[in-house]
Amino acid sequence: MSTDQGMVVLVVDDELPALSELGYLLGRDPRVAEVLTASSGTDALRLLDARDVDVVFSDISMPGLDGMALARVISRFAVRPQVVFVTAHERHAVDAFALDVTDYVMKPVREDRIAEAVRRVVEQRERGGARPPSEPAAPPVEDETIPVELGGVTRFITRSQIRYAQAHGDYARLHTDAGSHLVRVPLSVLEERWAEHGFVRIHRSTLVALPHVSEVRMDHGRCSVLVGAVELQVSRRHTKELRDTLLRRPLGDRRPAG
């Protein structure tokens, strides 16, 4: 995310003059290393899928995926950037802070007000992203939302929908009951991120979600698991580990791992 020179910022606004002005003001701030821009919520999610970003400065009233919807999606990321709303309307303020945004800036923007928003972002980062003790903690995230590309359109799937994942070069292919999606994340990163949610490595190229495993098969010393109608091979190296894990977590437990 942030570099030694400062933070990476994403600015989102469907009005190009406002997008340009805010990008210019943020680019002048010495605490900002790079400014990325997107003219819609959907374009913003594409960028967030491809780049690590420290904070998103977003308009609220946009066609399609508006700023509120964008912030809700971001709030379910495993590693989420902070969000600052920049808007011409006060009426969204209560809903905005219910989403745990870092700041709420009114248009027309002023350089000193943007500098104050950046200061709050930096302060929040130095606290490790924690909310001040006087504020109630946000409820735990029950599931993770993953933006995926399908025919040039960004769609959303949740971690609990994923049956298994396979390595695809430096990327990973996520398999659900409705299809598969390529994401720009190595399988090793998903293994570490999702271990506590019931995902286990069964092969150097395969990660499987235990809640979706319906059967374990042994044939002449070779192990495999059945996920829906798909049979996946378990490497000899991972067979004992899988058996030990299943003894601790019996098959048939269909509750999604939260």
Protein backbone atom coordinates (compact mmCIF):
# COMPACT_ATOMS: atom_id res chain seq x y z
CA MET A 1 0.00 0.00 0.00
CA SER A 2 1.67 3.18 1.19
CA THR A 3 5.22 3.79 0.04
CA ASP A 4 8.11 5.41 1.90
CA GLN A 5 7.14 8.65 0.16
CA GLY A 6 3.49 8.62 1.22
CA MET A 7 0.05 7.13 0.65
CA VAL A 8 -1.65 5.80 -2.45
CA VAL A 9 -5.03 7.53 -2.89
CA LEU A 10 -7.96 6.68 -5.15
CA VAL A 11 -10.36 9.49 -6.13
CA VAL A 12 -13.83 8.52 -7.42
CA ASP A 13 -16.26 10.99 -9.02
CA ASP A 14 -18.42 10.81 -12.12
CA GLU A 15 -18.03 14.57 -12.74
CA LEU A 16 -14.68 15.06 -14.46
CA PRO A 17 -14.03 18.66 -13.27
CA ALA A 18 -14.57 17.60 -9.66
CA LEU A 19 -12.43 14.50 -10.20
CA SER A 20 -9.62 16.58 -11.67
CA GLU A 21 -9.74 19.24 -8.96
CA LEU A 22 -9.71 16.80 -6.07
CA GLY A 23 -6.94 14.77 -7.68
CA TYR A 24 -4.91 17.95 -8.11
CA LEU A 25 -5.35 19.02 -4.47
CA LEU A 26 -4.44 15.59 -3.14
CA GLY A 27 -1.42 15.43 -5.44
CA ARG A 28 -0.10 18.65 -3.86
CA ASP A 29 -0.16 17.10 -0.37
CA PRO A 30 3.33 15.87 0.64
CA ARG A 31 1.78 12.93 2.50
CA VAL A 32 0.35 11.57 -0.76
CA ALA A 33 2.69 9.60 -3.04
CA GLU A 34 0.28 8.67 -5.84
CA VAL A 35 -3.25 9.64 -6.92
CA LEU A 36 -5.37 7.19 -8.92
CA THR A 37 -8.72 8.24 -10.40
CA ALA A 38 -11.94 6.49 -11.39
CA SER A 39 -15.10 8.00 -12.90
CA SER A 40 -17.51 5.39 -11.49
CA GLY A 41 -17.89 2.99 -8.59
CA THR A 42 -17.42 0.03 -10.90
CA ASP A 43 -14.17 1.45 -12.30
CA ALA A 44 -13.04 2.05 -8.73
CA LEU A 45 -13.54 -1.62 -7.85
CA ARG A 46 -11.54 -2.67 -10.90
CA LEU A 47 -8.68 -0.49 -9.70
CA LEU A 48 -8.97 -1.78 -6.14
CA ASP A 49 -8.75 -5.32 -7.49
CA ALA A 50 -5.54 -4.47 -9.35
CA ARG A 51 -3.84 -2.05 -6.92
CA ASP A 52 -3.27 -1.64 -3.20
CA VAL A 53 -4.75 1.65 -2.03
CA ASP A 54 -4.59 3.35 1.38
CA VAL A 55 -7.67 5.56 1.11
CA VAL A 56 -10.58 6.17 -1.26
CA PHE A 57 -11.94 9.72 -1.64
CA SER A 58 -15.37 9.18 -3.18
CA ASP A 59 -18.37 11.19 -4.27
CA ILE A 60 -21.70 9.75 -3.08
CA SER A 61 -24.23 10.62 -5.80
CA MET A 62 -23.07 8.68 -8.85
CA PRO A 63 -25.01 6.65 -11.42
CA GLY A 64 -24.81 2.88 -11.10
CA LEU A 65 -22.74 1.87 -8.09
CA ASP A 66 -22.90 5.02 -5.94
CA GLY A 67 -20.53 6.02 -3.16
CA MET A 68 -22.57 4.41 -0.39
CA ALA A 69 -22.71 1.08 -2.21
CA LEU A 70 -18.99 1.31 -2.97
CA ALA A 71 -18.21 1.90 0.72
CA ARG A 72 -20.35 -1.10 1.72
CA VAL A 73 -18.41 -3.33 -0.65
CA ILE A 74 -15.08 -1.95 0.60
CA SER A 75 -16.15 -2.56 4.21
CA ARG A 76 -16.22 -6.29 3.46
CA PHE A 77 -12.72 -6.45 2.01
CA ALA A 78 -10.27 -8.54 4.01
CA VAL A 79 -7.80 -5.64 3.86
CA ARG A 80 -9.79 -2.49 3.36
CA PRO A 81 -8.69 1.04 2.53
CA GLN A 82 -10.12 3.93 4.49
CA VAL A 83 -12.98 5.88 2.91
CA VAL A 84 -13.52 9.64 2.82
CA PHE A 85 -16.75 10.94 1.29
CA VAL A 86 -16.61 14.17 -0.71
CA THR A 87 -20.14 15.33 -1.50
CA ALA A 88 -22.40 18.33 -2.04
CA HIS A 89 -25.12 16.93 0.24
CA GLU A 90 -25.30 16.82 4.03
CA ARG A 91 -28.20 14.37 4.12
CA HIS A 92 -25.93 11.32 3.79
CA ALA A 93 -23.76 12.14 6.81
CA VAL A 94 -25.46 9.86 9.36
CA ASP A 95 -25.50 6.88 6.99
CA ALA A 96 -21.89 7.59 6.03
CA PHE A 97 -20.51 7.39 9.54
CA ALA A 98 -22.53 4.24 10.18
CA LEU A 99 -20.22 2.80 7.49
CA ASP A 100 -17.18 3.83 9.56
CA VAL A 101 -15.85 6.36 7.05
CA THR A 102 -12.86 8.41 8.15
CA ASP A 103 -14.18 11.81 7.10
CA TYR A 104 -17.06 13.59 5.33
CA VAL A 105 -16.00 16.57 3.22
CA MET A 106 -18.49 19.01 1.72
CA LYS A 107 -18.19 20.42 -1.80
CA PRO A 108 -16.94 22.79 -3.04
CA VAL A 109 -13.66 21.45 -1.69
CA ARG A 110 -10.99 23.68 -0.17
CA GLU A 111 -7.32 22.81 0.02
CA ASP A 112 -7.17 23.27 3.80
CA ARG A 113 -10.20 20.99 4.29
CA ILE A 114 -8.67 18.27 2.10
CA ALA A 115 -5.42 18.61 4.06
CA GLU A 116 -7.41 18.06 7.27
CA ALA A 117 -9.04 14.93 5.78
CA VAL A 118 -5.58 13.57 4.88
CA ARG A 119 -4.42 14.30 8.44
CA ARG A 120 -7.31 12.23 9.81
CA VAL A 121 -6.46 9.38 7.44
CA VAL A 122 -2.83 9.43 8.60
CA GLU A 123 -3.92 9.52 12.24
CA GLN A 124 -6.22 6.54 11.69
CA ARG A 125 -3.39 4.61 10.00
CA GLU A 126 -1.08 5.30 12.92
CA ARG A 127 -3.70 3.81 15.25
CA GLY A 128 -3.63 0.71 13.08
CA GLY A 129 -7.06 1.45 11.67
CA ALA A 130 -8.68 1.07 15.10
CA ARG A 131 -11.69 3.18 16.05
CA PRO A 132 -11.25 5.57 18.99
CA PRO A 133 -12.06 3.92 22.34
CA SER A 134 -15.07 6.22 22.78
CA GLU A 135 -16.74 4.81 19.67
CA PRO A 136 -18.42 1.39 19.50
CA ALA A 137 -16.52 -1.23 17.55
CA ALA A 138 -17.90 -2.18 14.17
CA PRO A 139 -19.55 -5.61 14.03
CA PRO A 140 -17.28 -8.39 12.76
CA VAL A 141 -17.38 -9.12 9.05
CA GLU A 142 -19.29 -12.37 8.52
CA ASP A 143 -18.19 -12.89 4.95
CA GLU A 144 -15.78 -11.40 2.44
CA THR A 145 -16.85 -9.83 -0.83
CA ILE A 146 -14.62 -10.39 -3.86
CA PRO A 147 -15.02 -8.30 -7.04
CA VAL A 148 -14.56 -10.41 -10.19
CA GLU A 149 -14.61 -9.67 -13.91
CA LEU A 150 -17.14 -11.44 -16.11
CA GLY A 151 -17.48 -10.42 -19.74
CA GLY A 152 -16.07 -6.97 -19.05
CA VAL A 153 -18.52 -6.41 -16.16
CA THR A 154 -17.52 -6.34 -12.49
CA ARG A 155 -19.63 -8.68 -10.39
CA PHE A 156 -19.39 -9.74 -6.75
CA ILE A 157 -19.09 -13.13 -5.12
CA THR A 158 -18.63 -13.97 -1.46
CA ARG A 159 -16.03 -16.19 0.15
CA SER A 160 -18.72 -18.60 1.35
CA GLN A 161 -19.76 -19.25 -2.27
CA ILE A 162 -16.28 -20.48 -3.20
CA ARG A 163 -15.98 -24.28 -3.27
CA TYR A 164 -12.31 -24.48 -4.15
CA ALA A 165 -9.50 -22.40 -5.64
CA GLN A 166 -6.71 -23.43 -7.99
CA ALA A 167 -3.38 -21.83 -8.81
CA HIS A 168 -3.26 -20.20 -12.25
CA GLY A 169 0.30 -18.93 -12.64
CA ASP A 170 0.68 -16.01 -10.24
CA TYR A 171 -3.12 -15.71 -10.00
CA ALA A 172 -5.87 -17.94 -8.60
CA ARG A 173 -9.07 -19.27 -10.15
CA LEU A 174 -12.05 -19.32 -7.77
CA HIS A 175 -14.69 -21.98 -8.39
CA THR A 176 -18.32 -21.56 -7.30
CA ASP A 177 -21.35 -23.65 -8.19
CA ALA A 178 -22.15 -21.08 -10.91
CA GLY A 179 -18.75 -20.88 -12.62
CA SER A 180 -15.13 -19.84 -12.11
CA HIS A 181 -13.36 -16.49 -11.86
CA LEU A 182 -9.70 -15.50 -12.19
CA VAL A 183 -8.42 -13.07 -9.55
CA ARG A 184 -5.04 -11.34 -9.30
CA VAL A 185 -4.11 -12.96 -5.98
CA PRO A 186 -1.63 -15.84 -5.49
CA LEU A 187 -3.04 -19.05 -4.02
CA SER A 188 -0.57 -18.80 -1.12
CA VAL A 189 -2.10 -15.46 -0.09
CA LEU A 190 -5.63 -16.91 -0.15
CA GLU A 191 -4.46 -19.91 1.89
CA GLU A 192 -3.14 -17.64 4.64
CA ARG A 193 -6.09 -15.23 4.49
CA TRP A 194 -8.82 -17.91 4.53
CA ALA A 195 -7.29 -20.58 6.78
CA GLU A 196 -9.52 -19.63 9.71
CA HIS A 197 -12.59 -19.83 7.45
CA GLY A 198 -12.28 -23.52 6.62
CA PHE A 199 -10.04 -23.44 3.55
CA VAL A 200 -7.24 -26.03 3.50
CA ARG A 201 -4.51 -26.88 1.02
CA ILE A 202 -4.97 -30.37 -0.48
CA HIS A 203 -2.43 -30.02 -3.28
CA ARG A 204 0.27 -27.52 -4.18
CA SER A 205 -2.17 -26.07 -6.73
CA THR A 206 -5.51 -26.54 -4.92
CA LEU A 207 -7.25 -24.98 -1.92
CA VAL A 208 -10.60 -26.44 -0.87
CA ALA A 209 -13.42 -25.12 1.34
CA LEU A 210 -14.23 -27.83 3.89
CA PRO A 211 -17.91 -26.81 4.26
CA HIS A 212 -18.37 -27.78 0.59
CA VAL A 213 -16.62 -31.18 0.84
CA SER A 214 -19.24 -33.94 0.75
CA GLU A 215 -17.02 -37.02 0.62
CA VAL A 216 -13.44 -38.18 1.12
CA ARG A 217 -12.33 -41.17 -0.95
CA MET A 218 -9.38 -43.53 -0.55
CA ASP A 219 -8.37 -45.76 -3.46
CA HIS A 220 -5.16 -47.83 -3.28
CA GLY A 221 -3.59 -45.31 -0.95
CA ARG A 222 -4.60 -42.31 -3.06
CA CYS A 223 -6.88 -39.74 -1.47
CA SER A 224 -9.43 -37.46 -3.15
CA VAL A 225 -12.32 -35.25 -2.05
CA LEU A 226 -15.71 -34.71 -3.66
CA VAL A 227 -16.87 -31.10 -3.95
CA GLY A 228 -20.25 -31.06 -5.62
CA ALA A 229 -19.77 -33.16 -8.77
CA VAL A 230 -16.03 -32.45 -8.91
CA GLU A 231 -13.46 -34.92 -7.60
CA LEU A 232 -10.20 -33.28 -6.50
CA GLN A 233 -6.98 -35.15 -5.87
CA VAL A 234 -5.23 -34.80 -2.53
CA SER A 235 -1.46 -35.02 -2.70
CA ARG A 236 0.31 -37.58 -0.51
CA ARG A 237 1.99 -34.72 1.29
CA HIS A 238 -1.36 -33.22 2.34
CA THR A 239 -3.35 -36.40 3.00
CA LYS A 240 -2.44 -36.76 6.69
CA GLU A 241 -2.96 -33.05 7.31
CA LEU A 242 -6.42 -33.25 5.71
CA ARG A 243 -7.35 -36.31 7.79
CA ASP A 244 -6.28 -34.57 11.01
CA THR A 245 -8.24 -31.47 10.07
CA LEU A 246 -11.39 -33.47 9.28
CA LEU A 247 -11.17 -35.27 12.62
CA ARG A 248 -11.37 -31.87 14.27
CA ARG A 249 -14.11 -30.67 11.91
CA PRO A 250 -16.48 -33.47 10.82
CA LEU A 251 -17.93 -33.53 7.32
CA GLY A 252 -21.56 -32.53 7.10
CA ASP A 253 -21.05 -29.30 9.04
CA ARG A 254 -22.59 -27.02 6.45
CA ARG A 255 -22.49 -23.83 8.42
CA PRO A 256 -20.54 -21.25 6.41
CA ALA A 257 -17.24 -20.42 8.00
CA GLY A 258 -17.50 -16.84 9.24
